[in-house]
PDB file of N, CA and C in Angstrom:
ATOM      1  N   MET A   1       8.449  -3.462 -10.800  1.00  0.00           N
ATOM      2  CA  MET A   1       9.357  -2.343 -10.674  1.00  0.00           C
ATOM      3  C   MET A   1      10.224  -2.212 -11.924  1.00  0.00           C
ATOM      4  N   GLU A   2      10.539  -3.348 -12.528  1.00  0.00           N
ATOM      5  CA  GLU A   2      11.335  -3.279 -13.759  1.00  0.00           C
ATOM      6  C   GLU A   2      10.558  -2.572 -14.866  1.00  0.00           C
ATOM      7  N   LEU A   3       9.272  -2.860 -14.974  1.00  0.00           N
ATOM      8  CA  LEU A   3       8.456  -2.171 -15.979  1.00  0.00           C
ATOM      9  C   LEU A   3       8.396  -0.677 -15.688  1.00  0.00           C
ATOM     10  N   ALA A   4       8.180  -0.321 -14.435  1.00  0.00           N
ATOM     11  CA  ALA A   4       8.112   1.092 -14.060  1.00  0.00           C
ATOM     12  C   ALA A   4       9.442   1.781 -14.327  1.00  0.00           C
ATOM     13  N   LYS A   5      10.528   1.083 -14.041  1.00  0.00           N
ATOM     14  CA  LYS A   5      11.853   1.660 -14.282  1.00  0.00           C
ATOM     15  C   LYS A   5      12.083   1.926 -15.767  1.00  0.00           C
ATOM     16  N   SER A   6      11.473   1.104 -16.621  1.00  0.00           N
ATOM     17  CA  SER A   6      11.648   1.289 -18.060  1.00  0.00           C
ATOM     18  C   SER A   6      10.683   2.324 -18.633  1.00  0.00           C
ATOM     19  N   GLY A   7       9.859   2.942 -17.779  1.00  0.00           N
ATOM     20  CA  GLY A   7       8.994   4.026 -18.226  1.00  0.00           C
ATOM     21  C   GLY A   7       7.526   3.680 -18.388  1.00  0.00           C
ATOM     22  N   VAL A   8       7.148   2.443 -18.089  1.00  0.00           N
ATOM     23  CA  VAL A   8       5.750   2.040 -18.189  1.00  0.00           C
ATOM     24  C   VAL A   8       5.002   2.526 -16.949  1.00  0.00           C
ATOM     25  N   GLN A   9       3.868   3.198 -17.164  1.00  0.00           N
ATOM     26  CA  GLN A   9       3.056   3.660 -16.042  1.00  0.00           C
ATOM     27  C   GLN A   9       2.155   2.509 -15.597  1.00  0.00           C
ATOM     28  N   ILE A  10       2.182   2.205 -14.306  1.00  0.00           N
ATOM     29  CA  ILE A  10       1.465   1.047 -13.769  1.00  0.00           C
ATOM     30  C   ILE A  10       0.555   1.497 -12.640  1.00  0.00           C
ATOM     31  N   PHE A  11      -0.681   1.000 -12.656  1.00  0.00           N
ATOM     32  CA  PHE A  11      -1.625   1.222 -11.567  1.00  0.00           C
ATOM     33  C   PHE A  11      -1.950  -0.136 -10.956  1.00  0.00           C
ATOM     34  N   THR A  12      -1.842  -0.252  -9.654  1.00  0.00           N
ATOM     35  CA  THR A  12      -2.169  -1.493  -8.965  1.00  0.00           C
ATOM     36  C   THR A  12      -3.093  -1.162  -7.805  1.00  0.00           C
ATOM     37  N   ALA A  13      -4.197  -1.862  -7.725  1.00  0.00           N
ATOM     38  CA  ALA A  13      -5.114  -1.700  -6.600  1.00  0.00           C
ATOM     39  C   ALA A  13      -5.125  -3.007  -5.820  1.00  0.00           C
ATOM     40  N   THR A  14      -4.992  -2.913  -4.500  1.00  0.00           N
ATOM     41  CA  THR A  14      -4.947  -4.123  -3.690  1.00  0.00           C
ATOM     42  C   THR A  14      -5.386  -3.821  -2.262  1.00  0.00           C
ATOM     43  N   HIS A  15      -5.837  -4.855  -1.588  1.00  0.00           N
ATOM     44  CA  HIS A  15      -6.070  -4.803  -0.154  1.00  0.00           C
ATOM     45  C   HIS A  15      -5.007  -5.634   0.562  1.00  0.00           C
ATOM     46  N   SER A  16      -4.069  -6.161  -0.189  1.00  0.00           N
ATOM     47  CA  SER A  16      -3.040  -7.043   0.360  1.00  0.00           C
ATOM     48  C   SER A  16      -1.919  -6.233   0.998  1.00  0.00           C
ATOM     49  N   LEU A  17      -1.799  -6.344   2.305  1.00  0.00           N
ATOM     50  CA  LEU A  17      -0.712  -5.670   2.993  1.00  0.00           C
ATOM     51  C   LEU A  17       0.630  -6.242   2.554  1.00  0.00           C
ATOM     52  N   PHE A  18       0.669  -7.549   2.288  1.00  0.00           N
ATOM     53  CA  PHE A  18       1.894  -8.179   1.804  1.00  0.00           C
ATOM     54  C   PHE A  18       2.381  -7.510   0.520  1.00  0.00           C
ATOM     55  N   LEU A  19       1.477  -7.331  -0.442  1.00  0.00           N
ATOM     56  CA  LEU A  19       1.850  -6.716  -1.714  1.00  0.00           C
ATOM     57  C   LEU A  19       2.262  -5.264  -1.520  1.00  0.00           C
ATOM     58  N   LEU A  20       1.520  -4.525  -0.700  1.00  0.00           N
ATOM     59  CA  LEU A  20       1.881  -3.128  -0.428  1.00  0.00           C
ATOM     60  C   LEU A  20       3.285  -3.016   0.150  1.00  0.00           C
ATOM     61  N   ARG A  21       3.560  -3.876   1.129  1.00  0.00           N
ATOM     62  CA  ARG A  21       4.894  -3.837   1.753  1.00  0.00           C
ATOM     63  C   ARG A  21       5.978  -4.236   0.764  1.00  0.00           C
ATOM     64  N   GLU A  22       5.696  -5.241  -0.062  1.00  0.00           N
ATOM     65  CA  GLU A  22       6.697  -5.697  -1.036  1.00  0.00           C
ATOM     66  C   GLU A  22       7.033  -4.589  -2.029  1.00  0.00           C
ATOM     67  N   LEU A  23       6.014  -3.888  -2.509  1.00  0.00           N
ATOM     68  CA  LEU A  23       6.262  -2.772  -3.422  1.00  0.00           C
ATOM     69  C   LEU A  23       7.056  -1.665  -2.734  1.00  0.00           C
ATOM     70  N   ASP A  24       6.747  -1.401  -1.475  1.00  0.00           N
ATOM     71  CA  ASP A  24       7.470  -0.384  -0.716  1.00  0.00           C
ATOM     72  C   ASP A  24       8.930  -0.791  -0.501  1.00  0.00           C
ATOM     73  N   ILE A  25       9.151  -2.058  -0.183  1.00  0.00           N
ATOM     74  CA  ILE A  25      10.524  -2.564   0.006  1.00  0.00           C
ATOM     75  C   ILE A  25      11.314  -2.444  -1.293  1.00  0.00           C
ATOM     76  N   LEU A  26      10.708  -2.873  -2.398  1.00  0.00           N
ATOM     77  CA  LEU A  26      11.385  -2.785  -3.687  1.00  0.00           C
ATOM     78  C   LEU A  26      11.701  -1.340  -4.050  1.00  0.00           C
ATOM     79  N   HIS A  27      10.758  -0.453  -3.801  1.00  0.00           N
ATOM     80  CA  HIS A  27      10.964   0.953  -4.147  1.00  0.00           C
ATOM     81  C   HIS A  27      12.102   1.579  -3.336  1.00  0.00           C
ATOM     82  N   LYS A  28      12.310   1.097  -2.120  1.00  0.00           N
ATOM     83  CA  LYS A  28      13.392   1.630  -1.281  1.00  0.00           C
ATOM     84  C   LYS A  28      14.762   1.090  -1.698  1.00  0.00           C
ATOM     85  N   ASN A  29      14.772   0.052  -2.542  1.00  0.00           N
ATOM     86  CA  ASN A  29      16.019  -0.513  -3.044  1.00  0.00           C
ATOM     87  C   ASN A  29      16.704   0.518  -3.932  1.00  0.00           C
ATOM     88  N   GLU A  30      18.022   0.638  -3.788  1.00  0.00           N
ATOM     89  CA  GLU A  30      18.806   1.612  -4.551  1.00  0.00           C
ATOM     90  C   GLU A  30      18.578   1.476  -6.058  1.00  0.00           C
ATOM     91  N   LYS A  31      18.339   0.264  -6.525  1.00  0.00           N
ATOM     92  CA  LYS A  31      18.136   0.003  -7.949  1.00  0.00           C
ATOM     93  C   LYS A  31      16.902   0.731  -8.496  1.00  0.00           C
ATOM     94  N   TYR A  32      15.911   0.994  -7.630  1.00  0.00           N
ATOM     95  CA  TYR A  32      14.651   1.587  -8.082  1.00  0.00           C
ATOM     96  C   TYR A  32      14.413   2.993  -7.539  1.00  0.00           C
ATOM     97  N   GLN A  33      15.457   3.655  -7.083  1.00  0.00           N
ATOM     98  CA  GLN A  33      15.300   4.998  -6.528  1.00  0.00           C
ATOM     99  C   GLN A  33      14.780   6.005  -7.547  1.00  0.00           C
ATOM    100  N   ASP A  34      15.008   5.747  -8.822  1.00  0.00           N
ATOM    101  CA  ASP A  34      14.550   6.693  -9.847  1.00  0.00           C
ATOM    102  C   ASP A  34      13.109   6.443 -10.301  1.00  0.00           C
ATOM    103  N   VAL A  35      12.456   5.399  -9.757  1.00  0.00           N
ATOM    104  CA  VAL A  35      11.059   5.126 -10.081  1.00  0.00           C
ATOM    105  C   VAL A  35      10.186   6.089  -9.288  1.00  0.00           C
ATOM    106  N   ASN A  36       9.331   6.815  -9.986  1.00  0.00           N
ATOM    107  CA  ASN A  36       8.442   7.778  -9.351  1.00  0.00           C
ATOM    108  C   ASN A  36       7.170   7.057  -8.920  1.00  0.00           C
ATOM    109  N   ALA A  37       7.149   6.552  -7.705  1.00  0.00           N
ATOM    110  CA  ALA A  37       6.014   5.785  -7.193  1.00  0.00           C
ATOM    111  C   ALA A  37       5.184   6.639  -6.245  1.00  0.00           C
ATOM    112  N   ARG A  38       3.887   6.360  -6.192  1.00  0.00           N
ATOM    113  CA  ARG A  38       2.979   7.006  -5.252  1.00  0.00           C
ATOM    114  C   ARG A  38       2.062   5.933  -4.680  1.00  0.00           C
ATOM    115  N   PHE A  39       1.755   6.060  -3.396  1.00  0.00           N
ATOM    116  CA  PHE A  39       0.808   5.180  -2.723  1.00  0.00           C
ATOM    117  C   PHE A  39      -0.431   5.996  -2.375  1.00  0.00           C
ATOM    118  N   PHE A  40      -1.607   5.389  -2.538  1.00  0.00           N
ATOM    119  CA  PHE A  40      -2.863   6.072  -2.255  1.00  0.00           C
ATOM    120  C   PHE A  40      -3.705   5.220  -1.325  1.00  0.00           C
ATOM    121  N   ALA A  41      -4.471   5.875  -0.481  1.00  0.00           N
ATOM    122  CA  ALA A  41      -5.427   5.197   0.392  1.00  0.00           C
ATOM    123  C   ALA A  41      -6.750   5.937   0.297  1.00  0.00           C
ATOM    124  N   LEU A  42      -7.819   5.187   0.178  1.00  0.00           N
ATOM    125  CA  LEU A  42      -9.160   5.755   0.125  1.00  0.00           C
ATOM    126  C   LEU A  42      -9.868   5.457   1.441  1.00  0.00           C
ATOM    127  N   HIS A  43     -10.500   6.469   2.005  1.00  0.00           N
ATOM    128  CA  HIS A  43     -11.189   6.312   3.286  1.00  0.00           C
ATOM    129  C   HIS A  43     -12.610   6.859   3.167  1.00  0.00           C
ATOM    130  N   PRO A  44     -13.629   6.042   3.506  1.00  0.00           N
ATOM    131  CA  PRO A  44     -14.994   6.552   3.475  1.00  0.00           C
ATOM    132  C   PRO A  44     -15.209   7.541   4.616  1.00  0.00           C
ATOM    133  N   GLY A  45     -16.001   8.547   4.363  1.00  0.00           N
ATOM    134  CA  GLY A  45     -16.293   9.542   5.386  1.00  0.00           C
ATOM    135  C   GLY A  45     -17.700  10.066   5.239  1.00  0.00           C
ATOM    136  N   ASP A  46     -18.073  10.980   6.088  1.00  0.00           N
ATOM    137  CA  ASP A  46     -19.420  11.548   6.057  1.00  0.00           C
ATOM    138  C   ASP A  46     -19.685  12.326   4.776  1.00  0.00           C
ATOM    139  N   ASP A  47     -18.655  12.952   4.217  1.00  0.00           N
ATOM    140  CA  ASP A  47     -18.802  13.772   3.016  1.00  0.00           C
ATOM    141  C   ASP A  47     -18.358  13.057   1.740  1.00  0.00           C
ATOM    142  N   GLY A  48     -18.236  11.754   1.783  1.00  0.00           N
ATOM    143  CA  GLY A  48     -17.765  10.996   0.629  1.00  0.00           C
ATOM    144  C   GLY A  48     -16.444  10.322   0.938  1.00  0.00           C
ATOM    145  N   VAL A  49     -15.674  10.093  -0.082  1.00  0.00           N
ATOM    146  CA  VAL A  49     -14.400   9.386   0.064  1.00  0.00           C
ATOM    147  C   VAL A  49     -13.257  10.392   0.107  1.00  0.00           C
ATOM    148  N   SER A  50     -12.385  10.230   1.094  1.00  0.00           N
ATOM    149  CA  SER A  50     -11.184  11.072   1.139  1.00  0.00           C
ATOM    150  C   SER A  50      -9.996  10.259   0.632  1.00  0.00           C
ATOM    151  N   ILE A  51      -9.037  10.962   0.058  1.00  0.00           N
ATOM    152  CA  ILE A  51      -7.870  10.312  -0.533  1.00  0.00           C
ATOM    153  C   ILE A  51      -6.612  10.808   0.161  1.00  0.00           C
ATOM    154  N   GLN A  52      -5.766   9.870   0.540  1.00  0.00           N
ATOM    155  CA  GLN A  52      -4.429  10.186   1.059  1.00  0.00           C
ATOM    156  C   GLN A  52      -3.427   9.701   0.032  1.00  0.00           C
ATOM    157  N   SER A  53      -2.308  10.381  -0.065  1.00  0.00           N
ATOM    158  CA  SER A  53      -1.256   9.904  -0.957  1.00  0.00           C
ATOM    159  C   SER A  53       0.098  10.164  -0.328  1.00  0.00           C
ATOM    160  N   GLY A  54       1.085   9.398  -0.777  1.00  0.00           N
ATOM    161  CA  GLY A  54       2.438   9.569  -0.286  1.00  0.00           C
ATOM    162  C   GLY A  54       3.435   8.866  -1.185  1.00  0.00           C
ATOM    163  N   LYS A  55       4.682   9.248  -1.054  1.00  0.00           N
ATOM    164  CA  LYS A  55       5.745   8.639  -1.866  1.00  0.00           C
ATOM    165  C   LYS A  55       6.184   7.289  -1.316  1.00  0.00           C
ATOM    166  N   VAL A  56       5.944   7.058  -0.013  1.00  0.00           N
ATOM    167  CA  VAL A  56       6.254   5.774   0.607  1.00  0.00           C
ATOM    168  C   VAL A  56       5.031   5.322   1.395  1.00  0.00           C
ATOM    169  N   LEU A  57       4.967   4.045   1.692  1.00  0.00           N
ATOM    170  CA  LEU A  57       3.816   3.478   2.384  1.00  0.00           C
ATOM    171  C   LEU A  57       3.600   4.113   3.753  1.00  0.00           C
ATOM    172  N   ASP A  58       4.688   4.483   4.414  1.00  0.00           N
ATOM    173  CA  ASP A  58       4.588   5.087   5.745  1.00  0.00           C
ATOM    174  C   ASP A  58       3.916   6.458   5.731  1.00  0.00           C
ATOM    175  N   ASP A  59       3.788   7.071   4.569  1.00  0.00           N
ATOM    176  CA  ASP A  59       3.100   8.360   4.468  1.00  0.00           C
ATOM    177  C   ASP A  59       1.596   8.232   4.671  1.00  0.00           C
ATOM    178  N   LEU A  60       1.071   7.013   4.555  1.00  0.00           N
ATOM    179  CA  LEU A  60      -0.365   6.787   4.692  1.00  0.00           C
ATOM    180  C   LEU A  60      -0.679   6.405   6.127  1.00  0.00           C
ATOM    181  N   ASP A  61      -1.591   7.164   6.724  1.00  0.00           N
ATOM    182  CA  ASP A  61      -1.936   6.895   8.118  1.00  0.00           C
ATOM    183  C   ASP A  61      -3.405   7.153   8.333  1.00  0.00           C
ATOM    184  N   PRO A  62      -4.160   6.277   8.885  1.00  0.00           N
ATOM    185  CA  PRO A  62      -3.755   4.907   9.223  1.00  0.00           C
ATOM    186  C   PRO A  62      -3.843   4.001   7.997  1.00  0.00           C
ATOM    187  N   ILE A  63      -3.136   2.923   8.061  1.00  0.00           N
ATOM    188  CA  ILE A  63      -3.199   1.962   6.963  1.00  0.00           C
ATOM    189  C   ILE A  63      -4.306   0.959   7.315  1.00  0.00           C
ATOM    190  N   VAL A  64      -5.434   1.110   6.676  1.00  0.00           N
ATOM    191  CA  VAL A  64      -6.600   0.282   6.964  1.00  0.00           C
ATOM    192  C   VAL A  64      -6.292  -1.188   6.698  1.00  0.00           C
ATOM    193  N   SER A  65      -5.486  -1.473   5.678  1.00  0.00           N
ATOM    194  CA  SER A  65      -5.132  -2.862   5.370  1.00  0.00           C
ATOM    195  C   SER A  65      -4.466  -3.532   6.559  1.00  0.00           C
ATOM    196  N   LEU A  66      -3.604  -2.804   7.259  1.00  0.00           N
ATOM    197  CA  LEU A  66      -2.943  -3.360   8.432  1.00  0.00           C
ATOM    198  C   LEU A  66      -3.965  -3.667   9.520  1.00  0.00           C
ATOM    199  N   ASP A  67      -4.873  -2.738   9.769  1.00  0.00           N
ATOM    200  CA  ASP A  67      -5.909  -2.961  10.782  1.00  0.00           C
ATOM    201  C   ASP A  67      -6.744  -4.191  10.443  1.00  0.00           C
ATOM    202  N   GLU A  68      -7.117  -4.323   9.178  1.00  0.00           N
ATOM    203  CA  GLU A  68      -7.935  -5.456   8.756  1.00  0.00           C
ATOM    204  C   GLU A  68      -7.161  -6.767   8.848  1.00  0.00           C
ATOM    205  N   GLU A  69      -5.884  -6.740   8.490  1.00  0.00           N
ATOM    206  CA  GLU A  69      -5.080  -7.961   8.568  1.00  0.00           C
ATOM    207  C   GLU A  69      -4.916  -8.409  10.019  1.00  0.00           C
ATOM    208  N   LEU A  70      -4.688  -7.464  10.916  1.00  0.00           N
ATOM    209  CA  LEU A  70      -4.567  -7.794  12.338  1.00  0.00           C
ATOM    210  C   LEU A  70      -5.891  -8.317  12.894  1.00  0.00           C
ATOM    211  N   SER A  71      -6.979  -7.717  12.478  1.00  0.00           N
ATOM    212  CA  SER A  71      -8.305  -8.173  12.913  1.00  0.00           C
ATOM    213  C   SER A  71      -8.560  -9.596  12.433  1.00  0.00           C
ATOM    214  N   GLN A  72      -8.204  -9.874  11.183  1.00  0.00           N
ATOM    215  CA  GLN A  72      -8.380 -11.219  10.652  1.00  0.00           C
ATOM    216  C   GLN A  72      -7.505 -12.216  11.413  1.00  0.00           C
ATOM    217  N   SER A  73      -6.286 -11.835  11.740  1.00  0.00           N
ATOM    218  CA  SER A  73      -5.392 -12.726  12.503  1.00  0.00           C
ATOM    219  C   SER A  73      -5.993 -13.047  13.863  1.00  0.00           C
ATOM    220  N   ASP A  74      -6.577 -12.044  14.516  1.00  0.00           N
ATOM    221  CA  ASP A  74      -7.225 -12.273  15.813  1.00  0.00           C
ATOM    222  C   ASP A  74      -8.391 -13.243  15.664  1.00  0.00           C
ATOM    223  N   ARG A  75      -9.214 -13.054  14.628  1.00  0.00           N
ATOM    224  CA  ARG A  75     -10.354 -13.955  14.409  1.00  0.00           C
ATOM    225  C   ARG A  75      -9.875 -15.362  14.103  1.00  0.00           C
ATOM    226  N   TYR A  76      -8.805 -15.490  13.354  1.00  0.00           N
ATOM    227  CA  TYR A  76      -8.252 -16.788  13.013  1.00  0.00           C
ATOM    228  C   TYR A  76      -7.775 -17.521  14.267  1.00  0.00           C
ATOM    229  N   MET A  77      -7.101 -16.788  15.147  1.00  0.00           N
ATOM    230  CA  MET A  77      -6.592 -17.412  16.376  1.00  0.00           C
ATOM    231  C   MET A  77      -7.738 -17.848  17.287  1.00  0.00           C
ATOM    232  N   GLU A  78      -8.867 -17.168  17.211  1.00  0.00           N
ATOM    233  CA  GLU A  78     -10.017 -17.547  18.042  1.00  0.00           C
ATOM    234  C   GLU A  78     -10.628 -18.867  17.624  1.00  0.00           C
ATOM    235  N   VAL A  79     -10.552 -19.218  16.346  1.00  0.00           N
ATOM    236  CA  VAL A  79     -11.187 -20.443  15.870  1.00  0.00           C
ATOM    237  C   VAL A  79     -10.266 -21.663  15.949  1.00  0.00           C
ATOM    238  N   LEU A  80      -9.015 -21.454  16.289  1.00  0.00           N
ATOM    239  CA  LEU A  80      -8.090 -22.608  16.401  1.00  0.00           C
ATOM    240  C   LEU A  80      -8.361 -23.424  17.624  1.00  0.00           C
TER     241      LEU A  80
END
């Protein structure tokens, strides 16, 4: 966020819900309100890939990363 605040354009691709949430939390901090951030989600479909975008993480629905993380947690609990 410090780099973005200083004017550096940054692209980050991740499947990590932790990282997505951390970036969203930082962006909501008053210190970074002037950072122009966008979140994108790619979804496969019958006609190709569709793209969603939003200024905050909550603008993306559904968040596939969350579904996958919850699914992994369920599988993990089954093997314990």
